């Protein structure tokens, strides 16, 4: 019996983001990028970002590209970091959700990571 439902609300997105960051911080491949992160500030910001991406809500005011470019200057990123991020994010979606929005979240994550990698590291 499958108890997973689709992503339908901000609360669902928040759960996804909290679960993802719970996995990302100790991750041996990308965890070092998240060690100094202020979770109390970052989780609501990223939740707002994904709410905008998936549901078109207004309110997100961040600049993820600039943030990642600045992070890259201090902690160089490689293509495999972005690929690993997508795998971890997608597996977290799959653990929690199933449906059209869940699929869209995974596809958007793949696209966002590719654009980010190209702009941040040129690959």
PDB file of N, CA and C in Angstrom:
ATOM      1  N   UNK A   1       0.841  -1.184   0.000  1.00  0.00           N
ATOM      2  CA  UNK A   1       0.000   0.000   0.000  1.00  0.00           C
ATOM      3  C   UNK A   1       0.882   1.242   0.000  1.00  0.00           C
ATOM      4  N   UNK A   2       0.578   2.169  -0.866  1.00  0.00           N
ATOM      5  CA  UNK A   2       1.372   3.391  -0.988  1.00  0.00           C
ATOM      6  C   UNK A   2       0.686   4.525  -0.240  1.00  0.00           C
ATOM      7  N   UNK A   3       1.383   5.095   0.720  1.00  0.00           N
ATOM      8  CA  UNK A   3       0.789   6.179   1.501  1.00  0.00           C
ATOM      9  C   UNK A   3       1.314   7.548   1.088  1.00  0.00           C
ATOM     10  N   UNK A   4       2.163   7.586   0.077  1.00  0.00           N
ATOM     11  CA  UNK A   4       2.691   8.875  -0.365  1.00  0.00           C
ATOM     12  C   UNK A   4       1.638   9.615  -1.183  1.00  0.00           C
ATOM     13  N   UNK A   5       1.573  10.919  -0.967  1.00  0.00           N
ATOM     14  CA  UNK A   5       0.688  11.775  -1.747  1.00  0.00           C
ATOM     15  C   UNK A   5       1.547  12.805  -2.463  1.00  0.00           C
ATOM     16  N   UNK A   6       0.917  13.621  -3.261  1.00  0.00           N
ATOM     17  CA  UNK A   6       1.647  14.631  -4.013  1.00  0.00           C
ATOM     18  C   UNK A   6       1.982  15.831  -3.129  1.00  0.00           C
ATOM     19  N   UNK A   7       2.868  16.665  -3.602  1.00  0.00           N
ATOM     20  CA  UNK A   7       3.191  17.937  -2.942  1.00  0.00           C
ATOM     21  C   UNK A   7       2.035  18.888  -3.244  1.00  0.00           C
ATOM     22  N   UNK A   8       1.369  19.353  -2.197  1.00  0.00           N
ATOM     23  CA  UNK A   8       0.188  20.193  -2.406  1.00  0.00           C
ATOM     24  C   UNK A   8       0.202  21.509  -1.640  1.00  0.00           C
ATOM     25  N   UNK A   9       1.202  21.717  -0.792  1.00  0.00           N
ATOM     26  CA  UNK A   9       1.154  22.901   0.068  1.00  0.00           C
ATOM     27  C   UNK A   9       2.542  23.361   0.481  1.00  0.00           C
ATOM     28  N   UNK A  10       2.573  24.538   1.072  1.00  0.00           N
ATOM     29  CA  UNK A  10       3.807  25.067   1.641  1.00  0.00           C
ATOM     30  C   UNK A  10       4.320  24.138   2.742  1.00  0.00           C
ATOM     31  N   UNK A  11       3.417  23.564   3.513  1.00  0.00           N
ATOM     32  CA  UNK A  11       3.825  22.636   4.580  1.00  0.00           C
ATOM     33  C   UNK A  11       4.526  21.410   3.996  1.00  0.00           C
ATOM     34  N   UNK A  12       4.042  20.914   2.858  1.00  0.00           N
ATOM     35  CA  UNK A  12       4.700  19.794   2.196  1.00  0.00           C
ATOM     36  C   UNK A  12       6.110  20.181   1.747  1.00  0.00           C
ATOM     37  N   UNK A  13       6.224  21.368   1.187  1.00  0.00           N
ATOM     38  CA  UNK A  13       7.536  21.836   0.736  1.00  0.00           C
ATOM     39  C   UNK A  13       8.478  21.983   1.925  1.00  0.00           C
ATOM     40  N   UNK A  14       7.975  22.526   2.999  1.00  0.00           N
ATOM     41  CA  UNK A  14       8.803  22.691   4.209  1.00  0.00           C
ATOM     42  C   UNK A  14       9.309  21.329   4.700  1.00  0.00           C
ATOM     43  N   UNK A  15       8.430  20.339   4.720  1.00  0.00           N
ATOM     44  CA  UNK A  15       8.834  18.996   5.123  1.00  0.00           C
ATOM     45  C   UNK A  15       9.935  18.470   4.204  1.00  0.00           C
ATOM     46  N   UNK A  16       9.761  18.635   2.910  1.00  0.00           N
ATOM     47  CA  UNK A  16      10.760  18.201   1.938  1.00  0.00           C
ATOM     48  C   UNK A  16      12.100  18.880   2.184  1.00  0.00           C
ATOM     49  N   UNK A  17      12.075  20.191   2.357  1.00  0.00           N
ATOM     50  CA  UNK A  17      13.316  20.950   2.545  1.00  0.00           C
ATOM     51  C   UNK A  17      13.989  20.565   3.855  1.00  0.00           C
ATOM     52  N   UNK A  18      13.216  20.435   4.924  1.00  0.00           N
ATOM     53  CA  UNK A  18      13.814  20.047   6.203  1.00  0.00           C
ATOM     54  C   UNK A  18      14.422  18.653   6.127  1.00  0.00           C
ATOM     55  N   UNK A  19      13.729  17.729   5.491  1.00  0.00           N
ATOM     56  CA  UNK A  19      14.251  16.365   5.353  1.00  0.00           C
ATOM     57  C   UNK A  19      15.501  16.363   4.480  1.00  0.00           C
ATOM     58  N   UNK A  20      15.465  17.117   3.373  1.00  0.00           N
ATOM     59  CA  UNK A  20      16.631  17.185   2.490  1.00  0.00           C
ATOM     60  C   UNK A  20      17.847  17.732   3.235  1.00  0.00           C
ATOM     61  N   UNK A  21      17.689  18.847   3.947  1.00  0.00           N
ATOM     62  CA  UNK A  21      18.834  19.426   4.655  1.00  0.00           C
ATOM     63  C   UNK A  21      19.307  18.535   5.791  1.00  0.00           C
ATOM     64  N   UNK A  22      18.395  17.756   6.362  1.00  0.00           N
ATOM     65  CA  UNK A  22      18.799  16.774   7.364  1.00  0.00           C
ATOM     66  C   UNK A  22      19.720  15.711   6.785  1.00  0.00           C
ATOM     67  N   UNK A  23      19.559  15.416   5.493  1.00  0.00           N
ATOM     68  CA  UNK A  23      20.424  14.460   4.809  1.00  0.00           C
ATOM     69  C   UNK A  23      21.675  15.133   4.252  1.00  0.00           C
ATOM     70  N   UNK A  24      21.529  16.359   3.769  1.00  0.00           N
ATOM     71  CA  UNK A  24      22.637  17.035   3.086  1.00  0.00           C
ATOM     72  C   UNK A  24      23.773  17.390   4.044  1.00  0.00           C
ATOM     73  N   UNK A  25      23.436  17.844   5.227  1.00  0.00           N
ATOM     74  CA  UNK A  25      24.489  18.286   6.157  1.00  0.00           C
ATOM     75  C   UNK A  25      25.500  17.201   6.486  1.00  0.00           C
ATOM     76  N   UNK A  26      25.070  15.972   6.781  1.00  0.00           N
ATOM     77  CA  UNK A  26      26.071  14.932   7.081  1.00  0.00           C
ATOM     78  C   UNK A  26      26.592  14.201   5.833  1.00  0.00           C
ATOM     79  N   UNK A  27      26.114  14.576   4.654  1.00  0.00           N
ATOM     80  CA  UNK A  27      26.491  13.869   3.437  1.00  0.00           C
ATOM     81  C   UNK A  27      27.988  14.015   3.166  1.00  0.00           C
ATOM     82  N   UNK A  28      28.680  12.901   2.856  1.00  0.00           N
ATOM     83  CA  UNK A  28      30.129  12.972   2.640  1.00  0.00           C
ATOM     84  C   UNK A  28      30.552  13.701   1.363  1.00  0.00           C
ATOM     85  N   UNK A  29      29.656  13.857   0.403  1.00  0.00           N
ATOM     86  CA  UNK A  29      30.008  14.497  -0.861  1.00  0.00           C
ATOM     87  C   UNK A  29      29.726  15.999  -0.835  1.00  0.00           C
ATOM     88  N   UNK A  30      28.567  16.393  -0.319  1.00  0.00           N
ATOM     89  CA  UNK A  30      28.184  17.817  -0.354  1.00  0.00           C
ATOM     90  C   UNK A  30      27.966  18.435   1.019  1.00  0.00           C
ATOM     91  N   UNK A  31      28.103  17.665   2.065  1.00  0.00           N
ATOM     92  CA  UNK A  31      27.815  18.167   3.411  1.00  0.00           C
ATOM     93  C   UNK A  31      28.624  19.387   3.813  1.00  0.00           C
ATOM     94  N   UNK A  32      29.864  19.463   3.349  1.00  0.00           N
ATOM     95  CA  UNK A  32      30.725  20.591   3.749  1.00  0.00           C
ATOM     96  C   UNK A  32      30.174  21.934   3.264  1.00  0.00           C
ATOM     97  N   UNK A  33      29.332  21.938   2.235  1.00  0.00           N
ATOM     98  CA  UNK A  33      28.735  23.195   1.771  1.00  0.00           C
ATOM     99  C   UNK A  33      27.643  23.695   2.718  1.00  0.00           C
ATOM    100  N   UNK A  34      27.157  22.822   3.586  1.00  0.00           N
ATOM    101  CA  UNK A  34      26.026  23.156   4.444  1.00  0.00           C
ATOM    102  C   UNK A  34      26.395  23.331   5.914  1.00  0.00           C
ATOM    103  N   UNK A  35      27.661  23.137   6.267  1.00  0.00           N
ATOM    104  CA  UNK A  35      28.034  23.141   7.686  1.00  0.00           C
ATOM    105  C   UNK A  35      27.834  24.490   8.361  1.00  0.00           C
ATOM    106  N   UNK A  36      28.120  25.578   7.671  1.00  0.00           N
ATOM    107  CA  UNK A  36      27.986  26.895   8.293  1.00  0.00           C
ATOM    108  C   UNK A  36      26.637  27.557   8.064  1.00  0.00           C
ATOM    109  N   UNK A  37      25.700  26.806   7.521  1.00  0.00           N
ATOM    110  CA  UNK A  37      24.401  27.349   7.147  1.00  0.00           C
ATOM    111  C   UNK A  37      23.544  27.650   8.376  1.00  0.00           C
ATOM    112  N   UNK A  38      22.943  28.822   8.403  1.00  0.00           N
ATOM    113  CA  UNK A  38      21.994  29.189   9.454  1.00  0.00           C
ATOM    114  C   UNK A  38      20.633  28.607   9.066  1.00  0.00           C
ATOM    115  N   UNK A  39      20.329  27.435   9.598  1.00  0.00           N
ATOM    116  CA  UNK A  39      19.091  26.733   9.236  1.00  0.00           C
ATOM    117  C   UNK A  39      17.844  27.562   9.523  1.00  0.00           C
ATOM    118  N   UNK A  40      17.835  28.279  10.630  1.00  0.00           N
ATOM    119  CA  UNK A  40      16.643  29.061  10.995  1.00  0.00           C
ATOM    120  C   UNK A  40      16.332  30.121   9.944  1.00  0.00           C
ATOM    121  N   UNK A  41      17.349  30.630   9.286  1.00  0.00           N
ATOM    122  CA  UNK A  41      17.158  31.609   8.214  1.00  0.00           C
ATOM    123  C   UNK A  41      16.956  30.910   6.866  1.00  0.00           C
ATOM    124  N   UNK A  42      17.751  29.885   6.617  1.00  0.00           N
ATOM    125  CA  UNK A  42      17.800  29.269   5.293  1.00  0.00           C
ATOM    126  C   UNK A  42      16.571  28.421   4.958  1.00  0.00           C
ATOM    127  N   UNK A  43      16.087  27.635   5.904  1.00  0.00           N
ATOM    128  CA  UNK A  43      14.956  26.732   5.627  1.00  0.00           C
ATOM    129  C   UNK A  43      13.724  27.515   5.161  1.00  0.00           C
ATOM    130  N   UNK A  44      13.302  28.578   5.850  1.00  0.00           N
ATOM    131  CA  UNK A  44      12.148  29.336   5.340  1.00  0.00           C
ATOM    132  C   UNK A  44      12.417  29.982   3.976  1.00  0.00           C
ATOM    133  N   UNK A  45      13.643  30.428   3.749  1.00  0.00           N
ATOM    134  CA  UNK A  45      13.997  31.057   2.479  1.00  0.00           C
ATOM    135  C   UNK A  45      13.892  30.050   1.327  1.00  0.00           C
ATOM    136  N   UNK A  46      14.451  28.873   1.513  1.00  0.00           N
ATOM    137  CA  UNK A  46      14.427  27.858   0.467  1.00  0.00           C
ATOM    138  C   UNK A  46      13.018  27.291   0.299  1.00  0.00           C
ATOM    139  N   UNK A  47      12.284  27.190   1.389  1.00  0.00           N
ATOM    140  CA  UNK A  47      10.878  26.776   1.285  1.00  0.00           C
ATOM    141  C   UNK A  47      10.118  27.773   0.423  1.00  0.00           C
ATOM    142  N   UNK A  48      10.342  29.052   0.648  1.00  0.00           N
ATOM    143  CA  UNK A  48       9.700  30.103  -0.149  1.00  0.00           C
ATOM    144  C   UNK A  48      10.115  29.999  -1.618  1.00  0.00           C
ATOM    145  N   UNK A  49      11.389  29.709  -1.875  1.00  0.00           N
ATOM    146  CA  UNK A  49      11.873  29.545  -3.239  1.00  0.00           C
ATOM    147  C   UNK A  49      11.118  28.419  -3.947  1.00  0.00           C
ATOM    148  N   UNK A  50      11.034  27.256  -3.291  1.00  0.00           N
ATOM    149  CA  UNK A  50      10.366  26.114  -3.913  1.00  0.00           C
ATOM    150  C   UNK A  50       8.863  26.320  -4.020  1.00  0.00           C
ATOM    151  N   UNK A  51       8.288  27.077  -3.115  1.00  0.00           N
ATOM    152  CA  UNK A  51       6.870  27.428  -3.214  1.00  0.00           C
ATOM    153  C   UNK A  51       6.645  28.259  -4.476  1.00  0.00           C
ATOM    154  N   UNK A  52       7.561  29.179  -4.752  1.00  0.00           N
ATOM    155  CA  UNK A  52       7.491  29.990  -5.964  1.00  0.00           C
ATOM    156  C   UNK A  52       7.665  29.102  -7.204  1.00  0.00           C
ATOM    157  N   UNK A  53       8.655  28.221  -7.170  1.00  0.00           N
ATOM    158  CA  UNK A  53       8.952  27.360  -8.319  1.00  0.00           C
ATOM    159  C   UNK A  53       7.770  26.442  -8.639  1.00  0.00           C
ATOM    160  N   UNK A  54       7.192  25.817  -7.622  1.00  0.00           N
ATOM    161  CA  UNK A  54       6.155  24.810  -7.859  1.00  0.00           C
ATOM    162  C   UNK A  54       4.738  25.365  -7.935  1.00  0.00           C
ATOM    163  N   UNK A  55       4.480  26.469  -7.229  1.00  0.00           N
ATOM    164  CA  UNK A  55       3.106  26.973  -7.167  1.00  0.00           C
ATOM    165  C   UNK A  55       2.957  28.415  -7.625  1.00  0.00           C
ATOM    166  N   UNK A  56       4.076  29.052  -8.005  1.00  0.00           N
ATOM    167  CA  UNK A  56       4.004  30.427  -8.494  1.00  0.00           C
ATOM    168  C   UNK A  56       3.697  31.464  -7.432  1.00  0.00           C
ATOM    169  N   UNK A  57       3.880  31.123  -6.170  1.00  0.00           N
ATOM    170  CA  UNK A  57       3.597  32.079  -5.099  1.00  0.00           C
ATOM    171  C   UNK A  57       4.619  33.206  -5.109  1.00  0.00           C
ATOM    172  N   UNK A  58       4.212  34.336  -4.618  1.00  0.00           N
ATOM    173  CA  UNK A  58       5.093  35.499  -4.506  1.00  0.00           C
ATOM    174  C   UNK A  58       5.699  35.496  -3.104  1.00  0.00           C
ATOM    175  N   UNK A  59       6.756  36.224  -2.938  1.00  0.00           N
ATOM    176  CA  UNK A  59       7.318  36.354  -1.601  1.00  0.00           C
ATOM    177  C   UNK A  59       8.785  35.971  -1.507  1.00  0.00           C
ATOM    178  N   UNK A  60       9.269  35.170  -2.446  1.00  0.00           N
ATOM    179  CA  UNK A  60      10.685  34.818  -2.405  1.00  0.00           C
ATOM    180  C   UNK A  60      11.491  36.023  -2.866  1.00  0.00           C
ATOM    181  N   UNK A  61      12.499  36.399  -2.078  1.00  0.00           N
ATOM    182  CA  UNK A  61      13.282  37.597  -2.396  1.00  0.00           C
ATOM    183  C   UNK A  61      14.777  37.324  -2.475  1.00  0.00           C
ATOM    184  N   UNK A  62      15.164  36.067  -2.479  1.00  0.00           N
ATOM    185  CA  UNK A  62      16.588  35.742  -2.489  1.00  0.00           C
ATOM    186  C   UNK A  62      17.209  35.845  -3.877  1.00  0.00           C
ATOM    187  N   UNK A  63      18.502  35.602  -3.914  1.00  0.00           N
ATOM    188  CA  UNK A  63      19.276  35.600  -5.151  1.00  0.00           C
ATOM    189  C   UNK A  63      20.183  34.365  -5.120  1.00  0.00           C
ATOM    190  N   UNK A  64      19.631  33.202  -5.472  1.00  0.00           N
ATOM    191  CA  UNK A  64      20.412  31.976  -5.321  1.00  0.00           C
ATOM    192  C   UNK A  64      21.675  31.936  -6.177  1.00  0.00           C
ATOM    193  N   UNK A  65      21.638  32.548  -7.340  1.00  0.00           N
ATOM    194  CA  UNK A  65      22.817  32.504  -8.207  1.00  0.00           C
ATOM    195  C   UNK A  65      23.996  33.208  -7.540  1.00  0.00           C
ATOM    196  N   UNK A  66      23.781  34.419  -7.075  1.00  0.00           N
ATOM    197  CA  UNK A  66      24.847  35.172  -6.405  1.00  0.00           C
ATOM    198  C   UNK A  66      25.335  34.429  -5.169  1.00  0.00           C
ATOM    199  N   UNK A  67      24.414  33.868  -4.410  1.00  0.00           N
ATOM    200  CA  UNK A  67      24.800  33.131  -3.203  1.00  0.00           C
ATOM    201  C   UNK A  67      25.708  31.955  -3.539  1.00  0.00           C
ATOM    202  N   UNK A  68      25.391  31.238  -4.619  1.00  0.00           N
ATOM    203  CA  UNK A  68      26.219  30.087  -4.994  1.00  0.00           C
ATOM    204  C   UNK A  68      27.551  30.510  -5.609  1.00  0.00           C
ATOM    205  N   UNK A  69      27.561  31.602  -6.339  1.00  0.00           N
ATOM    206  CA  UNK A  69      28.828  32.124  -6.882  1.00  0.00           C
ATOM    207  C   UNK A  69      29.756  32.501  -5.729  1.00  0.00           C
ATOM    208  N   UNK A  70      29.211  33.177  -4.720  1.00  0.00           N
ATOM    209  CA  UNK A  70      30.019  33.567  -3.559  1.00  0.00           C
ATOM    210  C   UNK A  70      30.504  32.347  -2.792  1.00  0.00           C
ATOM    211  N   UNK A  71      29.637  31.366  -2.626  1.00  0.00           N
ATOM    212  CA  UNK A  71      30.042  30.140  -1.940  1.00  0.00           C
ATOM    213  C   UNK A  71      31.163  29.436  -2.714  1.00  0.00           C
ATOM    214  N   UNK A  72      31.038  29.404  -4.021  1.00  0.00           N
ATOM    215  CA  UNK A  72      32.041  28.764  -4.881  1.00  0.00           C
ATOM    216  C   UNK A  72      33.418  29.410  -4.719  1.00  0.00           C
ATOM    217  N   UNK A  73      33.451  30.711  -4.481  1.00  0.00           N
ATOM    218  CA  UNK A  73      34.736  31.400  -4.276  1.00  0.00           C
ATOM    219  C   UNK A  73      35.452  30.895  -3.033  1.00  0.00           C
ATOM    220  N   UNK A  74      34.690  30.501  -2.020  1.00  0.00           N
ATOM    221  CA  UNK A  74      35.277  30.042  -0.753  1.00  0.00           C
ATOM    222  C   UNK A  74      35.410  28.520  -0.695  1.00  0.00           C
ATOM    223  N   UNK A  75      34.479  27.841  -1.348  1.00  0.00           N
ATOM    224  CA  UNK A  75      34.457  26.374  -1.373  1.00  0.00           C
ATOM    225  C   UNK A  75      34.175  25.956  -2.807  1.00  0.00           C
ATOM    226  N   UNK A  76      35.197  25.714  -3.594  1.00  0.00           N
ATOM    227  CA  UNK A  76      34.987  25.394  -5.003  1.00  0.00           C
ATOM    228  C   UNK A  76      34.044  24.202  -5.218  1.00  0.00           C
ATOM    229  N   UNK A  77      33.144  24.390  -6.155  1.00  0.00           N
ATOM    230  CA  UNK A  77      32.176  23.355  -6.512  1.00  0.00           C
ATOM    231  C   UNK A  77      32.600  22.713  -7.825  1.00  0.00           C
ATOM    232  N   UNK A  78      32.244  21.444  -7.947  1.00  0.00           N
ATOM    233  CA  UNK A  78      32.524  20.693  -9.167  1.00  0.00           C
ATOM    234  C   UNK A  78      31.204  20.141  -9.717  1.00  0.00           C
ATOM    235  N   UNK A  79      31.185  19.760 -10.984  1.00  0.00           N
ATOM    236  CA  UNK A  79      29.941  19.242 -11.560  1.00  0.00           C
ATOM    237  C   UNK A  79      29.326  18.105 -10.744  1.00  0.00           C
ATOM    238  N   UNK A  80      30.174  17.232 -10.207  1.00  0.00           N
ATOM    239  CA  UNK A  80      29.632  16.106  -9.443  1.00  0.00           C
ATOM    240  C   UNK A  80      28.908  16.538  -8.173  1.00  0.00           C
ATOM    241  N   UNK A  81      29.247  17.701  -7.626  1.00  0.00           N
ATOM    242  CA  UNK A  81      28.515  18.210  -6.465  1.00  0.00           C
ATOM    243  C   UNK A  81      27.066  18.510  -6.845  1.00  0.00           C
ATOM    244  N   UNK A  82      26.885  19.141  -7.985  1.00  0.00           N
ATOM    245  CA  UNK A  82      25.535  19.465  -8.447  1.00  0.00           C
ATOM    246  C   UNK A  82      24.759  18.191  -8.787  1.00  0.00           C
ATOM    247  N   UNK A  83      25.425  17.240  -9.417  1.00  0.00           N
ATOM    248  CA  UNK A  83      24.776  15.969  -9.759  1.00  0.00           C
ATOM    249  C   UNK A  83      24.360  15.216  -8.494  1.00  0.00           C
ATOM    250  N   UNK A  84      25.217  15.240  -7.500  1.00  0.00           N
ATOM    251  CA  UNK A  84      24.902  14.568  -6.237  1.00  0.00           C
ATOM    252  C   UNK A  84      23.738  15.265  -5.533  1.00  0.00           C
ATOM    253  N   UNK A  85      23.738  16.594  -5.568  1.00  0.00           N
ATOM    254  CA  UNK A  85      22.636  17.359  -4.979  1.00  0.00           C
ATOM    255  C   UNK A  85      21.305  16.931  -5.598  1.00  0.00           C
ATOM    256  N   UNK A  86      21.264  16.801  -6.920  1.00  0.00           N
ATOM    257  CA  UNK A  86      20.039  16.381  -7.609  1.00  0.00           C
ATOM    258  C   UNK A  86      19.613  14.989  -7.147  1.00  0.00           C
ATOM    259  N   UNK A  87      20.548  14.065  -7.075  1.00  0.00           N
ATOM    260  CA  UNK A  87      20.210  12.706  -6.634  1.00  0.00           C
ATOM    261  C   UNK A  87      19.655  12.705  -5.212  1.00  0.00           C
ATOM    262  N   UNK A  88      20.283  13.457  -4.327  1.00  0.00           N
ATOM    263  CA  UNK A  88      19.835  13.512  -2.937  1.00  0.00           C
ATOM    264  C   UNK A  88      18.470  14.185  -2.829  1.00  0.00           C
ATOM    265  N   UNK A  89      18.282  15.279  -3.561  1.00  0.00           N
ATOM    266  CA  UNK A  89      16.999  15.977  -3.540  1.00  0.00           C
ATOM    267  C   UNK A  89      15.898  15.078  -4.105  1.00  0.00           C
ATOM    268  N   UNK A  90      16.173  14.451  -5.233  1.00  0.00           N
ATOM    269  CA  UNK A  90      15.171  13.597  -5.880  1.00  0.00           C
ATOM    270  C   UNK A  90      14.814  12.392  -5.019  1.00  0.00           C
ATOM    271  N   UNK A  91      15.804  11.792  -4.384  1.00  0.00           N
ATOM    272  CA  UNK A  91      15.505  10.647  -3.525  1.00  0.00           C
ATOM    273  C   UNK A  91      14.682  11.081  -2.310  1.00  0.00           C
ATOM    274  N   UNK A  92      14.899  12.303  -1.842  1.00  0.00           N
ATOM    275  CA  UNK A  92      14.099  12.819  -0.729  1.00  0.00           C
ATOM    276  C   UNK A  92      12.660  13.051  -1.173  1.00  0.00           C
ATOM    277  N   UNK A  93      12.486  13.607  -2.363  1.00  0.00           N
ATOM    278  CA  UNK A  93      11.130  13.758  -2.916  1.00  0.00           C
ATOM    279  C   UNK A  93      10.461  12.391  -2.973  1.00  0.00           C
ATOM    280  N   UNK A  94      11.161  11.401  -3.521  1.00  0.00           N
ATOM    281  CA  UNK A  94      10.583  10.065  -3.686  1.00  0.00           C
ATOM    282  C   UNK A  94      10.227   9.398  -2.361  1.00  0.00           C
ATOM    283  N   UNK A  95      10.997   9.677  -1.319  1.00  0.00           N
ATOM    284  CA  UNK A  95      10.690   9.125   0.009  1.00  0.00           C
ATOM    285  C   UNK A  95       9.361   9.637   0.535  1.00  0.00           C
ATOM    286  N   UNK A  96       9.090  10.900   0.244  1.00  0.00           N
ATOM    287  CA  UNK A  96       7.964  11.582   0.870  1.00  0.00           C
ATOM    288  C   UNK A  96       6.723  11.711  -0.002  1.00  0.00           C
ATOM    289  N   UNK A  97       6.904  11.850  -1.306  1.00  0.00           N
ATOM    290  CA  UNK A  97       5.796  12.241  -2.177  1.00  0.00           C
ATOM    291  C   UNK A  97       5.757  11.422  -3.457  1.00  0.00           C
ATOM    292  N   UNK A  98       4.574  11.454  -4.081  1.00  0.00           N
ATOM    293  CA  UNK A  98       4.383  10.832  -5.381  1.00  0.00           C
ATOM    294  C   UNK A  98       3.247  11.563  -6.080  1.00  0.00           C
ATOM    295  N   UNK A  99       3.482  11.937  -7.330  1.00  0.00           N
ATOM    296  CA  UNK A  99       2.448  12.601  -8.109  1.00  0.00           C
ATOM    297  C   UNK A  99       3.045  13.625  -9.047  1.00  0.00           C
ATOM    298  N   UNK A 100       2.200  14.355  -9.763  1.00  0.00           N
ATOM    299  CA  UNK A 100       2.683  15.322 -10.759  1.00  0.00           C
ATOM    300  C   UNK A 100       3.592  16.414 -10.184  1.00  0.00           C
ATOM    301  N   UNK A 101       3.244  16.982  -9.042  1.00  0.00           N
ATOM    302  CA  UNK A 101       4.089  18.035  -8.454  1.00  0.00           C
ATOM    303  C   UNK A 101       5.406  17.454  -7.957  1.00  0.00           C
ATOM    304  N   UNK A 102       5.368  16.246  -7.445  1.00  0.00           N
ATOM    305  CA  UNK A 102       6.608  15.592  -7.014  1.00  0.00           C
ATOM    306  C   UNK A 102       7.520  15.389  -8.226  1.00  0.00           C
ATOM    307  N   UNK A 103       6.946  14.939  -9.317  1.00  0.00           N
ATOM    308  CA  UNK A 103       7.727  14.790 -10.540  1.00  0.00           C
ATOM    309  C   UNK A 103       8.257  16.114 -11.042  1.00  0.00           C
ATOM    310  N   UNK A 104       7.423  17.137 -10.954  1.00  0.00           N
ATOM    311  CA  UNK A 104       7.860  18.475 -11.372  1.00  0.00           C
ATOM    312  C   UNK A 104       8.999  18.967 -10.495  1.00  0.00           C
ATOM    313  N   UNK A 105       8.920  18.715  -9.197  1.00  0.00           N
ATOM    314  CA  UNK A 105       9.983  19.144  -8.282  1.00  0.00           C
ATOM    315  C   UNK A 105      11.315  18.507  -8.679  1.00  0.00           C
ATOM    316  N   UNK A 106      11.296  17.234  -9.022  1.00  0.00           N
ATOM    317  CA  UNK A 106      12.528  16.550  -9.421  1.00  0.00           C
ATOM    318  C   UNK A 106      13.049  17.096 -10.747  1.00  0.00           C
ATOM    319  N   UNK A 107      12.154  17.334 -11.686  1.00  0.00           N
ATOM    320  CA  UNK A 107      12.579  17.876 -12.978  1.00  0.00           C
ATOM    321  C   UNK A 107      13.137  19.286 -12.820  1.00  0.00           C
ATOM    322  N   UNK A 108      12.458  20.100 -12.032  1.00  0.00           N
ATOM    323  CA  UNK A 108      12.946  21.467 -11.795  1.00  0.00           C
ATOM    324  C   UNK A 108      14.292  21.445 -11.092  1.00  0.00           C
ATOM    325  N   UNK A 109      14.476  20.546 -10.145  1.00  0.00           N
ATOM    326  CA  UNK A 109      15.763  20.436  -9.452  1.00  0.00           C
ATOM    327  C   UNK A 109      16.875  20.105 -10.445  1.00  0.00           C
ATOM    328  N   UNK A 110      16.595  19.208 -11.376  1.00  0.00           N
ATOM    329  CA  UNK A 110      17.578  18.837 -12.391  1.00  0.00           C
ATOM    330  C   UNK A 110      17.944  20.038 -13.251  1.00  0.00           C
ATOM    331  N   UNK A 111      16.947  20.789 -13.672  1.00  0.00           N
ATOM    332  CA  UNK A 111      17.172  21.975 -14.505  1.00  0.00           C
ATOM    333  C   UNK A 111      17.913  23.058 -13.733  1.00  0.00           C
ATOM    334  N   UNK A 112      17.473  23.313 -12.515  1.00  0.00           N
ATOM    335  CA  UNK A 112      18.106  24.343 -11.676  1.00  0.00           C
ATOM    336  C   UNK A 112      19.579  23.998 -11.443  1.00  0.00           C
ATOM    337  N   UNK A 113      19.857  22.742 -11.131  1.00  0.00           N
ATOM    338  CA  UNK A 113      21.246  22.330 -10.878  1.00  0.00           C
ATOM    339  C   UNK A 113      22.104  22.499 -12.126  1.00  0.00           C
ATOM    340  N   UNK A 114      21.547  22.165 -13.295  1.00  0.00           N
ATOM    341  CA  UNK A 114      22.313  22.305 -14.540  1.00  0.00           C
ATOM    342  C   UNK A 114      22.621  23.770 -14.834  1.00  0.00           C
ATOM    343  N   UNK A 115      21.635  24.633 -14.666  1.00  0.00           N
ATOM    344  CA  UNK A 115      21.845  26.069 -14.895  1.00  0.00           C
ATOM    345  C   UNK A 115      22.837  26.621 -13.878  1.00  0.00           C
ATOM    346  N   UNK A 116      22.660  26.235 -12.635  1.00  0.00           N
ATOM    347  CA  UNK A 116      23.542  26.700 -11.566  1.00  0.00           C
ATOM    348  C   UNK A 116      24.984  26.261 -11.835  1.00  0.00           C
ATOM    349  N   UNK A 117      25.173  25.005 -12.186  1.00  0.00           N
ATOM    350  CA  UNK A 117      26.521  24.496 -12.462  1.00  0.00           C
ATOM    351  C   UNK A 117      27.145  25.268 -13.623  1.00  0.00           C
ATOM    352  N   UNK A 118      26.368  25.500 -14.661  1.00  0.00           N
ATOM    353  CA  UNK A 118      26.887  26.226 -15.829  1.00  0.00           C
ATOM    354  C   UNK A 118      27.295  27.653 -15.449  1.00  0.00           C
ATOM    355  N   UNK A 119      26.445  28.331 -14.697  1.00  0.00           N
ATOM    356  CA  UNK A 119      26.724  29.720 -14.342  1.00  0.00           C
ATOM    357  C   UNK A 119      27.803  29.850 -13.280  1.00  0.00           C
ATOM    358  N   UNK A 120      27.831  28.930 -12.318  1.00  0.00           N
ATOM    359  CA  UNK A 120      28.771  29.041 -11.205  1.00  0.00           C
ATOM    360  C   UNK A 120      30.160  28.544 -11.590  1.00  0.00           C
ATOM    361  N   UNK A 121      30.218  27.397 -12.276  1.00  0.00           N
ATOM    362  CA  UNK A 121      31.536  26.810 -12.576  1.00  0.00           C
ATOM    363  C   UNK A 121      31.807  26.666 -14.063  1.00  0.00           C
ATOM    364  N   UNK A 122      30.851  27.030 -14.880  1.00  0.00           N
ATOM    365  CA  UNK A 122      31.065  26.983 -16.322  1.00  0.00           C
ATOM    366  C   UNK A 122      30.982  25.597 -16.924  1.00  0.00           C
ATOM    367  N   UNK A 123      30.332  24.671 -16.226  1.00  0.00           N
ATOM    368  CA  UNK A 123      30.219  23.295 -16.747  1.00  0.00           C
ATOM    369  C   UNK A 123      28.793  22.833 -16.684  1.00  0.00           C
TER     370      UNK A 123
END
